[in-house]
PDB file of N, CA and C in Angstrom:
ATOM      1  N   MET A   1       9.078  66.016 -67.110  1.00  0.00           N
ATOM      2  CA  MET A   1       9.480  65.298 -68.431  1.00  0.00           C
ATOM      3  C   MET A   1       8.612  66.326 -69.668  1.00  0.00           C
ATOM      4  N   GLU A   2       9.255  66.116 -70.514  1.00  0.00           N
ATOM      5  CA  GLU A   2       9.031  66.526 -71.809  1.00  0.00           C
ATOM      6  C   GLU A   2       7.794  65.720 -72.656  1.00  0.00           C
ATOM      7  N   PHE A   3       7.051  66.222 -73.314  1.00  0.00           N
ATOM      8  CA  PHE A   3       6.063  65.720 -74.136  1.00  0.00           C
ATOM      9  C   PHE A   3       6.669  65.758 -75.675  1.00  0.00           C
ATOM     10  N   HIS A   4       6.717  64.514 -76.375  1.00  0.00           N
ATOM     11  CA  HIS A   4       7.232  64.570 -77.728  1.00  0.00           C
ATOM     12  C   HIS A   4       6.242  65.419 -78.597  1.00  0.00           C
ATOM     13  N   GLU A   5       6.739  65.850 -79.447  1.00  0.00           N
ATOM     14  CA  GLU A   5       5.477  66.749 -80.387  1.00  0.00           C
ATOM     15  C   GLU A   5       4.821  66.064 -80.999  1.00  0.00           C
ATOM     16  N   TYR A   6       5.136  64.520 -81.458  1.00  0.00           N
ATOM     17  CA  TYR A   6       4.005  63.580 -81.840  1.00  0.00           C
ATOM     18  C   TYR A   6       3.152  63.452 -81.077  1.00  0.00           C
ATOM     19  N   ALA A   7       3.273  63.613 -80.075  1.00  0.00           N
ATOM     20  CA  ALA A   7       2.117  63.197 -78.778  1.00  0.00           C
ATOM     21  C   ALA A   7       1.356  64.314 -78.691  1.00  0.00           C
ATOM     22  N   ASN A   8       1.965  65.622 -79.262  1.00  0.00           N
ATOM     23  CA  ASN A   8       0.766  67.140 -79.083  1.00  0.00           C
ATOM     24  C   ASN A   8      -0.121  67.571 -80.013  1.00  0.00           C
ATOM     25  N   LEU A   9       0.006  65.871 -80.909  1.00  0.00           N
ATOM     26  CA  LEU A   9      -0.941  65.763 -82.213  1.00  0.00           C
ATOM     27  C   LEU A   9      -2.396  65.855 -81.534  1.00  0.00           C
ATOM     28  N   PHE A  10      -2.422  65.227 -80.381  1.00  0.00           N
ATOM     29  CA  PHE A  10      -4.005  65.262 -79.891  1.00  0.00           C
ATOM     30  C   PHE A  10      -3.916  65.906 -78.560  1.00  0.00           C
ATOM     31  N   PRO A  11      -4.851  66.282 -78.459  1.00  0.00           N
ATOM     32  CA  PRO A  11      -5.253  67.210 -77.190  1.00  0.00           C
ATOM     33  C   PRO A  11      -5.297  66.583 -75.773  1.00  0.00           C
ATOM     34  N   MET A  12      -4.992  67.488 -74.904  1.00  0.00           N
ATOM     35  CA  MET A  12      -4.907  66.826 -73.569  1.00  0.00           C
ATOM     36  C   MET A  12      -6.552  66.462 -73.165  1.00  0.00           C
ATOM     37  N   MET A  13      -6.665  65.972 -72.060  1.00  0.00           N
ATOM     38  CA  MET A  13      -7.718  65.658 -71.435  1.00  0.00           C
ATOM     39  C   MET A  13      -8.409  66.947 -70.852  1.00  0.00           C
ATOM     40  N   GLN A  14      -9.629  67.076 -70.428  1.00  0.00           N
ATOM     41  CA  GLN A  14     -10.621  68.032 -70.065  1.00  0.00           C
ATOM     42  C   GLN A  14      -9.967  68.033 -68.576  1.00  0.00           C
ATOM     43  N   PRO A  15      -9.944  68.954 -67.539  1.00  0.00           N
ATOM     44  CA  PRO A  15      -9.781  69.119 -66.186  1.00  0.00           C
ATOM     45  C   PRO A  15     -10.539  68.065 -65.521  1.00  0.00           C
ATOM     46  N   ASP A  16     -12.066  67.911 -65.617  1.00  0.00           N
ATOM     47  CA  ASP A  16     -12.845  66.683 -65.095  1.00  0.00           C
ATOM     48  C   ASP A  16     -12.378  65.189 -65.602  1.00  0.00           C
ATOM     49  N   GLU A  17     -12.416  65.477 -66.751  1.00  0.00           N
ATOM     50  CA  GLU A  17     -11.418  64.025 -67.463  1.00  0.00           C
ATOM     51  C   GLU A  17     -10.407  63.409 -66.645  1.00  0.00           C
ATOM     52  N   LEU A  18      -9.544  64.318 -66.296  1.00  0.00           N
ATOM     53  CA  LEU A  18      -8.063  64.112 -66.032  1.00  0.00           C
ATOM     54  C   LEU A  18      -8.778  64.208 -64.290  1.00  0.00           C
ATOM     55  N   ALA A  19      -9.578  64.653 -63.599  1.00  0.00           N
ATOM     56  CA  ALA A  19      -9.675  64.440 -62.346  1.00  0.00           C
ATOM     57  C   ALA A  19     -10.136  62.881 -61.932  1.00  0.00           C
ATOM     58  N   ASP A  20     -10.826  62.642 -63.039  1.00  0.00           N
ATOM     59  CA  ASP A  20     -11.496  60.712 -63.010  1.00  0.00           C
ATOM     60  C   ASP A  20     -10.409  60.072 -63.384  1.00  0.00           C
ATOM     61  N   LEU A  21      -9.533  60.580 -63.843  1.00  0.00           N
ATOM     62  CA  LEU A  21      -8.307  59.868 -64.058  1.00  0.00           C
ATOM     63  C   LEU A  21      -7.478  59.542 -63.147  1.00  0.00           C
ATOM     64  N   VAL A  22      -6.903  60.533 -62.450  1.00  0.00           N
ATOM     65  CA  VAL A  22      -6.460  60.951 -61.079  1.00  0.00           C
ATOM     66  C   VAL A  22      -6.816  59.724 -60.027  1.00  0.00           C
ATOM     67  N   ASN A  23      -8.340  59.561 -59.952  1.00  0.00           N
ATOM     68  CA  ASN A  23      -8.934  58.827 -58.656  1.00  0.00           C
ATOM     69  C   ASN A  23      -8.724  57.380 -58.946  1.00  0.00           C
ATOM     70  N   ASP A  24      -8.837  57.067 -60.770  1.00  0.00           N
ATOM     71  CA  ASP A  24      -8.870  56.148 -60.830  1.00  0.00           C
ATOM     72  C   ASP A  24      -7.202  55.300 -60.910  1.00  0.00           C
ATOM     73  N   VAL A  25      -6.338  56.269 -60.807  1.00  0.00           N
ATOM     74  CA  VAL A  25      -5.193  55.935 -60.712  1.00  0.00           C
ATOM     75  C   VAL A  25      -4.883  55.673 -59.049  1.00  0.00           C
ATOM     76  N   LYS A  26      -5.410  56.382 -58.609  1.00  0.00           N
ATOM     77  CA  LYS A  26      -5.113  56.468 -56.548  1.00  0.00           C
ATOM     78  C   LYS A  26      -5.615  55.169 -56.491  1.00  0.00           C
ATOM     79  N   GLN A  27      -7.078  54.798 -57.039  1.00  0.00           N
ATOM     80  CA  GLN A  27      -7.622  53.289 -56.816  1.00  0.00           C
ATOM     81  C   GLN A  27      -6.855  52.130 -57.504  1.00  0.00           C
ATOM     82  N   ASN A  28      -6.273  52.417 -59.048  1.00  0.00           N
ATOM     83  CA  ASN A  28      -5.628  51.032 -59.183  1.00  0.00           C
ATOM     84  C   ASN A  28      -4.564  50.938 -59.558  1.00  0.00           C
ATOM     85  N   GLY A  29      -3.884  52.126 -59.434  1.00  0.00           N
ATOM     86  CA  GLY A  29      -2.618  52.418 -59.832  1.00  0.00           C
ATOM     87  C   GLY A  29      -2.387  52.421 -61.548  1.00  0.00           C
ATOM     88  N   LEU A  30      -0.946  52.536 -61.562  1.00  0.00           N
ATOM     89  CA  LEU A  30      -0.710  52.935 -63.129  1.00  0.00           C
ATOM     90  C   LEU A  30      -0.974  51.431 -64.039  1.00  0.00           C
ATOM     91  N   ILE A  31      -2.163  51.461 -64.707  1.00  0.00           N
ATOM     92  CA  ILE A  31      -2.194  49.980 -65.652  1.00  0.00           C
ATOM     93  C   ILE A  31      -1.104  49.744 -66.718  1.00  0.00           C
ATOM     94  N   GLU A  32      -1.144  50.965 -67.756  1.00  0.00           N
ATOM     95  CA  GLU A  32      -0.631  50.744 -68.635  1.00  0.00           C
ATOM     96  C   GLU A  32       0.647  52.068 -68.799  1.00  0.00           C
ATOM     97  N   PRO A  33       1.717  51.410 -69.022  1.00  0.00           N
ATOM     98  CA  PRO A  33       2.955  52.358 -68.936  1.00  0.00           C
ATOM     99  C   PRO A  33       2.831  53.555 -69.990  1.00  0.00           C
ATOM    100  N   ILE A  34       3.891  54.454 -69.482  1.00  0.00           N
ATOM    101  CA  ILE A  34       3.961  55.731 -70.421  1.00  0.00           C
ATOM    102  C   ILE A  34       5.121  55.429 -71.101  1.00  0.00           C
ATOM    103  N   VAL A  35       4.735  55.183 -72.523  1.00  0.00           N
ATOM    104  CA  VAL A  35       5.856  55.124 -73.829  1.00  0.00           C
ATOM    105  C   VAL A  35       6.568  56.461 -73.887  1.00  0.00           C
ATOM    106  N   LEU A  36       7.925  56.089 -74.340  1.00  0.00           N
ATOM    107  CA  LEU A  36       9.054  56.882 -74.315  1.00  0.00           C
ATOM    108  C   LEU A  36       9.513  56.810 -75.463  1.00  0.00           C
ATOM    109  N   TYR A  37       9.904  57.998 -76.330  1.00  0.00           N
ATOM    110  CA  TYR A  37      10.825  58.230 -77.542  1.00  0.00           C
ATOM    111  C   TYR A  37      11.342  59.200 -77.479  1.00  0.00           C
ATOM    112  N   GLU A  38      12.813  59.115 -77.853  1.00  0.00           N
ATOM    113  CA  GLU A  38      13.797  60.076 -77.672  1.00  0.00           C
ATOM    114  C   GLU A  38      13.744  60.822 -76.291  1.00  0.00           C
ATOM    115  N   GLU A  39      13.619  59.890 -75.445  1.00  0.00           N
ATOM    116  CA  GLU A  39      13.521  60.678 -73.889  1.00  0.00           C
ATOM    117  C   GLU A  39      12.501  61.517 -73.727  1.00  0.00           C
ATOM    118  N   LYS A  40      11.246  61.556 -74.316  1.00  0.00           N
ATOM    119  CA  LYS A  40      10.215  62.446 -74.248  1.00  0.00           C
ATOM    120  C   LYS A  40       8.882  61.596 -74.383  1.00  0.00           C
ATOM    121  N   ILE A  41       7.864  61.701 -73.730  1.00  0.00           N
ATOM    122  CA  ILE A  41       6.682  60.798 -73.475  1.00  0.00           C
ATOM    123  C   ILE A  41       5.990  61.231 -75.276  1.00  0.00           C
ATOM    124  N   LEU A  42       5.960  60.030 -75.453  1.00  0.00           N
ATOM    125  CA  LEU A  42       5.189  59.678 -76.915  1.00  0.00           C
ATOM    126  C   LEU A  42       3.966  59.710 -76.622  1.00  0.00           C
ATOM    127  N   ASP A  43       3.536  58.664 -75.787  1.00  0.00           N
ATOM    128  CA  ASP A  43       1.970  58.161 -75.227  1.00  0.00           C
ATOM    129  C   ASP A  43       1.840  58.210 -73.792  1.00  0.00           C
ATOM    130  N   GLY A  44       0.659  58.610 -73.289  1.00  0.00           N
ATOM    131  CA  GLY A  44       0.958  58.684 -71.500  1.00  0.00           C
ATOM    132  C   GLY A  44       1.205  59.900 -71.073  1.00  0.00           C
ATOM    133  N   ARG A  45       0.519  61.161 -71.705  1.00  0.00           N
ATOM    134  CA  ARG A  45       0.714  62.564 -70.953  1.00  0.00           C
ATOM    135  C   ARG A  45      -0.265  62.642 -69.763  1.00  0.00           C
ATOM    136  N   ASN A  46      -1.573  61.967 -70.273  1.00  0.00           N
ATOM    137  CA  ASN A  46      -2.418  62.211 -69.054  1.00  0.00           C
ATOM    138  C   ASN A  46      -2.141  61.222 -68.171  1.00  0.00           C
ATOM    139  N   ARG A  47      -1.958  60.230 -68.435  1.00  0.00           N
ATOM    140  CA  ARG A  47      -1.202  59.295 -67.268  1.00  0.00           C
ATOM    141  C   ARG A  47      -0.302  59.710 -66.467  1.00  0.00           C
ATOM    142  N   PHE A  48       0.532  60.726 -66.863  1.00  0.00           N
ATOM    143  CA  PHE A  48       1.791  61.041 -66.431  1.00  0.00           C
ATOM    144  C   PHE A  48       1.396  62.128 -65.275  1.00  0.00           C
ATOM    145  N   LEU A  49       0.300  62.727 -65.821  1.00  0.00           N
ATOM    146  CA  LEU A  49       0.195  64.117 -65.270  1.00  0.00           C
ATOM    147  C   LEU A  49      -0.683  63.317 -63.931  1.00  0.00           C
ATOM    148  N   ALA A  50      -1.411  62.357 -64.111  1.00  0.00           N
ATOM    149  CA  ALA A  50      -2.176  61.797 -63.297  1.00  0.00           C
ATOM    150  C   ALA A  50      -1.323  61.033 -62.356  1.00  0.00           C
ATOM    151  N   CYS A  51      -0.363  60.489 -62.452  1.00  0.00           N
ATOM    152  CA  CYS A  51       0.239  59.972 -61.501  1.00  0.00           C
ATOM    153  C   CYS A  51       0.691  61.159 -60.513  1.00  0.00           C
ATOM    154  N   GLY A  52       1.100  62.014 -61.397  1.00  0.00           N
ATOM    155  CA  GLY A  52       1.705  63.361 -60.328  1.00  0.00           C
ATOM    156  C   GLY A  52       0.673  63.331 -59.583  1.00  0.00           C
ATOM    157  N   GLU A  53      -0.437  63.712 -59.621  1.00  0.00           N
ATOM    158  CA  GLU A  53      -1.233  64.473 -59.082  1.00  0.00           C
ATOM    159  C   GLU A  53      -1.679  63.312 -57.905  1.00  0.00           C
ATOM    160  N   ALA A  54      -1.659  61.838 -57.795  1.00  0.00           N
ATOM    161  CA  ALA A  54      -1.876  60.869 -57.353  1.00  0.00           C
ATOM    162  C   ALA A  54      -1.083  60.695 -56.418  1.00  0.00           C
ATOM    163  N   GLY A  55       0.444  60.847 -56.741  1.00  0.00           N
ATOM    164  CA  GLY A  55       1.399  60.680 -55.726  1.00  0.00           C
ATOM    165  C   GLY A  55       1.875  59.346 -56.308  1.00  0.00           C
ATOM    166  N   ILE A  56       1.742  59.042 -57.235  1.00  0.00           N
ATOM    167  CA  ILE A  56       1.936  57.307 -57.903  1.00  0.00           C
ATOM    168  C   ILE A  56       3.350  57.509 -58.746  1.00  0.00           C
ATOM    169  N   LYS A  57       4.403  56.804 -58.531  1.00  0.00           N
ATOM    170  CA  LYS A  57       5.585  56.689 -59.388  1.00  0.00           C
ATOM    171  C   LYS A  57       5.171  56.134 -60.849  1.00  0.00           C
ATOM    172  N   PRO A  58       5.402  56.604 -61.458  1.00  0.00           N
ATOM    173  CA  PRO A  58       4.933  56.193 -63.143  1.00  0.00           C
ATOM    174  C   PRO A  58       6.219  55.519 -63.598  1.00  0.00           C
ATOM    175  N   HIS A  59       5.703  53.947 -64.121  1.00  0.00           N
ATOM    176  CA  HIS A  59       6.803  53.141 -64.853  1.00  0.00           C
ATOM    177  C   HIS A  59       6.643  53.375 -66.276  1.00  0.00           C
ATOM    178  N   TYR A  60       7.792  53.501 -67.283  1.00  0.00           N
ATOM    179  CA  TYR A  60       7.999  53.646 -68.403  1.00  0.00           C
ATOM    180  C   TYR A  60       8.545  52.435 -69.115  1.00  0.00           C
ATOM    181  N   GLU A  61       8.086  52.693 -70.814  1.00  0.00           N
ATOM    182  CA  GLU A  61       8.554  51.637 -71.543  1.00  0.00           C
ATOM    183  C   GLU A  61       9.123  52.577 -72.686  1.00  0.00           C
ATOM    184  N   TYR A  62      10.145  52.213 -73.346  1.00  0.00           N
ATOM    185  CA  TYR A  62      10.539  52.565 -74.747  1.00  0.00           C
ATOM    186  C   TYR A  62       9.919  52.214 -75.960  1.00  0.00           C
ATOM    187  N   TYR A  63       9.131  53.216 -76.768  1.00  0.00           N
ATOM    188  CA  TYR A  63       9.115  52.766 -78.046  1.00  0.00           C
ATOM    189  C   TYR A  63       9.855  51.980 -79.054  1.00  0.00           C
ATOM    190  N   LYS A  64       9.492  50.682 -79.488  1.00  0.00           N
ATOM    191  CA  LYS A  64      10.084  50.195 -80.440  1.00  0.00           C
ATOM    192  C   LYS A  64       9.369  49.770 -81.624  1.00  0.00           C
ATOM    193  N   GLY A  65       9.979  50.519 -82.433  1.00  0.00           N
ATOM    194  CA  GLY A  65       9.133  50.399 -83.899  1.00  0.00           C
ATOM    195  C   GLY A  65       9.955  51.408 -84.513  1.00  0.00           C
ATOM    196  N   ASP A  66       9.466  51.729 -85.515  1.00  0.00           N
ATOM    197  CA  ASP A  66      10.105  52.744 -86.869  1.00  0.00           C
ATOM    198  C   ASP A  66       8.828  53.963 -87.363  1.00  0.00           C
ATOM    199  N   GLU A  67       7.701  53.863 -86.620  1.00  0.00           N
ATOM    200  CA  GLU A  67       6.709  54.607 -87.024  1.00  0.00           C
ATOM    201  C   GLU A  67       5.958  55.346 -85.910  1.00  0.00           C
ATOM    202  N   PRO A  68       6.820  56.053 -85.149  1.00  0.00           N
ATOM    203  CA  PRO A  68       6.120  56.666 -83.726  1.00  0.00           C
ATOM    204  C   PRO A  68       5.023  57.517 -84.215  1.00  0.00           C
ATOM    205  N   VAL A  69       4.888  58.365 -85.220  1.00  0.00           N
ATOM    206  CA  VAL A  69       3.675  58.814 -85.571  1.00  0.00           C
ATOM    207  C   VAL A  69       2.649  57.968 -85.806  1.00  0.00           C
ATOM    208  N   GLY A  70       2.598  57.079 -86.371  1.00  0.00           N
ATOM    209  CA  GLY A  70       1.577  55.754 -86.616  1.00  0.00           C
ATOM    210  C   GLY A  70       1.310  55.151 -85.174  1.00  0.00           C
ATOM    211  N   TYR A  71       2.068  54.866 -84.358  1.00  0.00           N
ATOM    212  CA  TYR A  71       1.764  54.700 -82.728  1.00  0.00           C
ATOM    213  C   TYR A  71       1.177  55.358 -82.030  1.00  0.00           C
ATOM    214  N   VAL A  72       1.394  56.851 -82.382  1.00  0.00           N
ATOM    215  CA  VAL A  72       0.461  57.857 -81.223  1.00  0.00           C
ATOM    216  C   VAL A  72      -0.814  58.116 -82.105  1.00  0.00           C
ATOM    217  N   ILE A  73      -1.189  58.005 -83.238  1.00  0.00           N
ATOM    218  CA  ILE A  73      -2.100  58.172 -84.158  1.00  0.00           C
ATOM    219  C   ILE A  73      -3.133  56.660 -84.288  1.00  0.00           C
TER     220      ILE A  73
END
């Protein structure tokens, strides 16, 4: 799945941080859903990647609002 340009305003996690998130997702599952906007990931890029690494199917919700940039920030 593609990442929305707004999501790319912030850097991705460092490899060691992502590894910690993968372990957390393996132990606890995905707690916060991944937020989509315009059929792309607006929030949750790292969670999306961690789910893939952990073999967990992610769950999604669509952004509801009119300020997607503000939501990301």
